[in-house]
Protein backbone atom coordinates (compact mmCIF):
# COMPACT_ATOMS: atom_id res chain seq x y z
CA MET A 1 -5.82 18.77 -10.66
CA SER A 2 -3.60 15.89 -11.85
CA ALA A 3 -3.86 12.40 -10.37
CA LYS A 4 -0.47 12.83 -8.66
CA SER A 5 -1.52 16.16 -7.17
CA GLN A 6 -4.68 14.56 -5.79
CA VAL A 7 -2.66 11.75 -4.21
CA GLU A 8 -0.20 14.25 -2.73
CA GLU A 9 -3.05 16.28 -1.25
CA LEU A 10 -4.75 13.17 0.15
CA PHE A 11 -1.65 11.96 1.99
CA THR A 12 -0.68 15.44 3.12
CA LYS A 13 -4.07 15.75 4.83
CA THR A 14 -3.86 12.31 6.46
CA VAL A 15 -0.33 12.22 7.91
CA ASP A 16 -1.51 11.76 11.49
CA ASP A 17 -3.92 8.98 10.45
CA TRP A 18 -1.12 7.05 8.74
CA ALA A 19 1.19 7.58 11.68
CA ARG A 20 -1.35 5.80 13.92
CA PHE A 21 -2.20 2.87 11.64
CA TYR A 22 0.62 0.63 12.88
CA GLU A 23 0.35 1.37 16.61
CA ASP A 24 -1.79 -1.71 17.33
CA PRO A 25 -0.31 -5.01 16.03
CA THR A 26 -3.80 -6.61 16.14
CA PRO A 27 -6.15 -3.77 15.14
CA PRO A 28 -9.93 -4.28 15.17
CA THR A 29 -10.61 -2.74 11.75
CA LEU A 30 -10.13 -4.34 8.36
CA GLY A 31 -8.28 -1.36 6.86
CA ALA A 32 -5.70 -1.16 9.63
CA GLN A 33 -5.18 -4.94 9.71
CA ASN A 34 -4.68 -4.97 5.96
CA LEU A 35 -1.79 -2.52 6.37
CA VAL A 36 -0.29 -4.50 9.26
CA SER A 37 -0.50 -7.74 7.26
CA ARG A 38 0.97 -6.08 4.19
CA MET A 39 3.97 -4.83 6.15
CA ARG A 40 4.49 -8.22 7.82
CA PHE A 41 4.46 -10.19 4.56
CA SER A 42 6.64 -7.59 2.84
CA LEU A 43 9.27 -7.72 5.59
CA GLU A 44 9.30 -11.52 5.52
CA MET A 45 9.78 -11.58 1.76
CA LEU A 46 12.47 -8.90 1.87
CA GLU A 47 14.45 -10.63 4.62
CA SER A 48 14.38 -13.93 2.74
CA GLY A 49 15.93 -12.28 -0.33
CA VAL A 50 18.03 -9.36 0.94
CA THR A 51 20.57 -9.75 3.75
CA SER A 52 20.72 -7.46 6.78
CA GLY A 53 23.09 -4.52 6.29
CA ALA A 54 22.05 -3.99 2.68
CA ARG A 55 20.77 -0.69 1.28
CA VAL A 56 16.97 -0.64 0.95
CA LEU A 57 14.71 2.08 -0.43
CA ASP A 58 11.09 2.46 0.67
CA VAL A 59 9.27 4.01 -2.31
CA GLY A 60 6.14 5.76 -1.07
CA CYS A 61 7.36 5.63 2.53
CA GLY A 62 4.42 7.50 4.04
CA ALA A 63 5.03 8.48 7.66
CA GLY A 64 8.22 6.39 7.77
CA GLN A 65 7.28 3.41 9.95
CA LEU A 66 8.75 0.86 7.54
CA VAL A 67 12.04 2.78 7.25
CA GLY A 68 12.21 2.79 11.02
CA GLU A 69 11.55 -0.96 11.21
CA LEU A 70 14.08 -1.74 8.47
CA THR A 71 16.69 0.31 10.31
CA ARG A 72 15.90 -1.56 13.52
CA ARG A 73 16.49 -4.84 11.67
CA GLY A 74 19.94 -3.74 10.51
CA TYR A 75 19.30 -2.38 7.00
CA GLU A 76 20.59 0.92 5.66
CA ALA A 77 17.09 2.19 4.89
CA TRP A 78 15.98 5.24 2.92
CA GLY A 79 12.50 6.60 2.21
CA VAL A 80 10.95 8.74 -0.52
CA ASP A 81 7.41 10.05 -0.79
CA ILE A 82 5.53 12.51 -2.97
CA SER A 83 4.08 14.23 0.11
CA GLU A 84 6.39 16.74 1.79
CA ALA A 85 4.33 16.44 4.98
CA MET A 86 4.98 12.68 5.11
CA VAL A 87 8.71 13.19 4.51
CA ARG A 88 8.84 15.84 7.23
CA TYR A 89 7.18 13.45 9.70
CA GLY A 90 9.69 10.71 8.82
CA ARG A 91 12.63 13.06 9.33
CA GLU A 92 11.31 14.23 12.69
CA HIS A 93 10.45 10.77 14.07
CA TYR A 94 12.93 8.34 12.48
CA HIS A 95 16.00 9.82 10.77
CA PRO A 96 16.72 13.41 9.71
CA ASP A 97 18.84 12.49 6.67
CA ARG A 98 17.20 9.38 5.19
CA PHE A 99 13.97 10.82 3.76
CA ARG A 100 13.46 12.74 0.51
CA THR A 101 10.51 14.16 -1.37
CA ALA A 102 10.42 12.44 -4.75
CA ASP A 103 8.27 11.10 -7.57
CA VAL A 104 8.28 7.31 -7.99
CA GLU A 105 8.84 7.83 -11.72
CA GLN A 106 11.94 10.01 -11.14
CA LEU A 107 13.84 8.62 -8.18
CA PRO A 108 16.71 10.93 -7.07
CA PHE A 109 19.38 8.21 -6.91
CA ALA A 110 22.10 6.95 -9.22
CA ASP A 111 21.84 3.70 -11.18
CA ASN A 112 22.53 0.49 -9.23
CA THR A 113 22.30 2.13 -5.80
CA PHE A 114 20.09 -0.25 -3.80
CA ASP A 115 20.10 -3.95 -2.92
CA GLY A 116 16.36 -3.85 -2.22
CA ILE A 117 13.25 -1.77 -2.79
CA VAL A 118 9.94 -1.87 -0.96
CA CYS A 119 6.99 -0.25 -2.74
CA LEU A 120 3.75 -0.70 -0.80
CA GLY A 121 0.43 0.74 -1.94
CA VAL A 122 1.86 3.14 -4.53
CA LEU A 123 1.51 1.95 -8.11
CA GLU A 124 -2.29 1.68 -8.08
CA TYR A 125 -2.51 5.48 -7.79
CA LEU A 126 -0.60 6.05 -11.05
CA ASN A 127 -2.11 6.20 -14.53
CA ARG A 128 0.43 3.66 -15.81
CA ASP A 129 3.07 1.40 -14.29
CA GLU A 130 5.91 1.30 -16.80
CA ALA A 131 7.80 4.49 -15.88
CA ALA A 132 7.81 3.69 -12.16
CA LEU A 133 8.89 0.09 -12.73
CA ARG A 134 11.70 1.18 -15.06
CA ASP A 135 13.05 3.66 -12.52
CA MET A 136 12.93 1.12 -9.69
CA TRP A 137 14.78 -1.33 -11.96
CA ARG A 138 17.33 1.41 -12.74
CA VAL A 139 18.25 2.13 -9.10
CA LEU A 140 18.40 -1.57 -8.15
CA LYS A 141 21.72 -3.35 -8.33
CA PRO A 142 21.91 -6.38 -10.64
CA GLY A 143 20.11 -9.17 -8.79
CA GLY A 144 18.55 -6.70 -6.35
CA ARG A 145 15.06 -7.48 -5.06
CA ALA A 146 11.92 -5.37 -5.03
CA ILE A 147 8.82 -6.02 -2.92
CA ILE A 148 5.82 -4.52 -4.73
CA THR A 149 2.21 -4.60 -3.55
CA THR A 150 -0.92 -4.05 -5.65
CA PRO A 151 -4.69 -4.57 -5.17
CA SER A 152 -6.00 -7.81 -6.69
CA SER A 153 -8.60 -7.72 -9.44
CA THR A 154 -9.91 -11.21 -8.59
CA CYS A 155 -11.07 -10.40 -5.03
CA PRO A 156 -14.85 -11.08 -4.83
CA PHE A 157 -15.17 -8.98 -1.65
CA TYR A 158 -14.18 -5.90 -3.66
CA TYR A 159 -16.99 -6.41 -6.17
CA MET A 160 -19.50 -7.00 -3.35
CA ASP A 161 -18.35 -3.69 -1.86
CA GLN A 162 -18.91 -1.99 -5.21
CA LEU A 163 -22.48 -3.30 -5.43
CA TYR A 164 -23.16 -2.18 -1.86
CA GLN A 165 -21.86 1.31 -2.57
CA LYS A 166 -24.06 1.65 -5.65
CA ALA A 167 -27.10 0.58 -3.65
CA TRP A 168 -26.17 3.00 -0.87
CA LEU A 169 -25.93 5.90 -3.34
CA LEU A 170 -29.57 5.27 -4.26
CA ALA A 171 -30.70 4.96 -0.64
CA ARG A 172 -28.55 7.72 0.89
CA PRO A 173 -30.90 10.70 0.30
CA ALA A 174 -33.75 8.95 2.13
CA ALA A 175 -31.45 7.76 4.93
CA ARG A 176 -29.97 11.23 5.42
CA GLY A 177 -33.45 12.76 5.48
CA LEU A 178 -34.55 10.29 8.17
CA ARG A 179 -31.44 10.63 10.33
CA TYR A 180 -30.78 14.36 10.12
CA GLY A 181 -34.31 15.57 9.36
CA LEU A 182 -37.00 13.59 11.14
CA LEU A 183 -34.77 12.27 13.92
CA ARG A 184 -32.79 15.54 14.16
CA ARG A 185 -29.47 13.79 14.69
CA PRO A 186 -26.41 16.10 14.53
CA MET A 187 -24.71 15.99 11.15
CA PRO A 188 -21.08 14.82 11.45
CA VAL A 189 -18.26 17.10 10.37
CA ARG A 190 -16.26 15.43 7.61
CA ARG A 191 -12.90 16.41 6.18
CA ALA A 192 -12.91 17.28 2.50
CA LEU A 193 -10.48 14.76 0.99
CA PRO A 194 -9.72 14.36 -2.71
CA VAL A 195 -11.08 11.27 -4.44
CA VAL A 196 -8.32 9.14 -5.94
CA VAL A 197 -8.50 6.15 -8.28
CA HIS A 198 -7.16 2.75 -7.20
CA ARG A 199 -6.35 0.50 -10.14
CA ARG A 200 -6.51 -3.27 -9.62
CA TYR A 201 -4.18 -5.92 -11.01
CA TYR A 202 -4.59 -9.40 -12.52
CA ARG A 203 -1.64 -11.58 -11.51
CA PRO A 204 -0.70 -13.19 -14.90
CA ARG A 205 -0.79 -9.85 -16.75
CA TRP A 206 1.03 -8.06 -13.92
CA ALA A 207 3.81 -10.65 -13.72
CA LYS A 208 4.23 -10.52 -17.52
CA LEU A 209 4.59 -6.72 -17.48
CA MET A 210 7.20 -6.78 -14.71
CA ARG A 211 9.13 -9.53 -16.51
CA SER A 212 9.16 -7.49 -19.72
CA LEU A 213 10.86 -4.66 -17.80
CA GLY A 214 13.57 -6.84 -16.26
CA LEU A 215 11.84 -7.69 -12.98
CA GLU A 216 11.56 -11.46 -12.66
CA LEU A 217 8.91 -12.82 -10.27
CA GLU A 218 10.37 -14.91 -7.41
CA ASP A 219 7.69 -15.03 -4.71
CA TRP A 220 4.02 -14.13 -4.31
CA VAL A 221 1.36 -13.92 -1.59
CA CYS A 222 -2.20 -12.61 -1.67
CA HIS A 223 -3.64 -11.55 1.70
CA SER A 224 -6.60 -9.95 3.53
CA TRP A 225 -10.26 -10.91 3.24
CA GLY A 226 -13.15 -8.69 4.25
CA TRP A 227 -15.95 -6.29 3.27
CA TYR A 228 -15.02 -2.64 3.75
CA SER A 229 -18.64 -1.65 3.15
CA LEU A 230 -19.76 -3.63 6.22
CA GLU A 231 -17.25 -2.19 8.69
CA TRP A 232 -20.00 -0.03 10.16
CA LEU A 233 -21.82 -3.22 11.17
CA PHE A 234 -18.92 -5.19 12.64
CA SER A 235 -15.14 -4.85 12.88
CA GLN A 236 -13.30 -7.34 10.70
CA GLY A 237 -9.71 -7.14 11.88
CA ALA A 238 -9.80 -10.61 13.43
CA PHE A 239 -11.39 -12.10 10.27
CA CYS A 240 -8.69 -10.47 8.16
CA ARG A 241 -5.92 -11.86 10.39
CA ALA A 242 -7.43 -15.35 10.25
CA SER A 243 -7.55 -15.23 6.45
CA ASP A 244 -3.80 -14.56 6.25
CA ARG A 245 -3.14 -18.25 6.84
CA PHE A 246 -4.34 -18.79 3.25
CA ALA A 247 -2.03 -16.18 1.71
CA ARG A 248 0.10 -18.88 0.06
CA ASN A 249 -2.73 -21.31 -0.66
CA ARG A 250 -3.10 -21.31 -4.45
CA PHE A 251 -6.69 -22.56 -4.23
CA LEU A 252 -7.88 -19.80 -1.86
CA SER A 253 -5.45 -16.87 -2.03
CA TRP A 254 -7.23 -15.42 -5.10
CA LEU A 255 -10.06 -14.40 -2.71
CA ALA A 256 -7.80 -11.89 -0.96
CA SER A 257 -7.70 -8.18 -1.68
CA ASP A 258 -3.95 -7.41 -1.82
CA GLN A 259 -1.00 -8.96 -3.63
CA VAL A 260 2.66 -8.88 -2.59
CA ALA A 261 5.26 -9.78 -5.20
CA ARG A 262 9.01 -10.18 -4.79
CA VAL A 263 10.90 -9.63 -8.03
CA ARG A 264 14.60 -9.76 -8.96
CA ALA A 265 16.28 -7.18 -11.18
CA VAL A 266 17.72 -8.92 -14.24
CA LYS A 267 20.51 -6.82 -15.80
């Protein structure tokens, strides 16, 4: 199965989960707060560079919440996603004619169609970035803005999580034997979800690549601190929200897990 097929299967199986992620504006969990923070920063950066009433495309729109919010704020918003189930949900809950199934590397729109693009949590699933960036540049009007998010490679919390997971892999057989064998606890039923790869990005190299493809960096934030591996011990939504105050602090923002870049299409 190709990487894109795995991603499509993953999001097709988790439509309802994604539809619920934005229900609570101050969620208790780190993962949900990360998504809420990402959307908030992305909207702020878009509104400061693209005027209301403009045409905006959400690339990798998921269940359609951002398209709905952009429409509420006065934009002519469209959404595309690789998952037909996600697109179907967006059509049913937000707008029947503004969602399409599409590949980020082959967007079904003419050149110079959009004033803005929002691409949140998409590129890290691809094998390479160039084709997707070129096609986003193609459908942007000259001077159009794109808001693009990527995971940060400098986040120390991520590497702590990796060490924890490796240690847990060694300890898991004994822990499972104790819990489900000696203690006779009921074994939980888990959904079989495909494993997908998340690439991580180093800001200087990432900005250089985008610039080489005609996307000039204008603004940047790096948000969300926390240990995903310790969520079973304590919820970290409040910690994540508190860390967002450092998203523009150049001395501390490198600690955060996610990057949001606003770029301008140079044509």
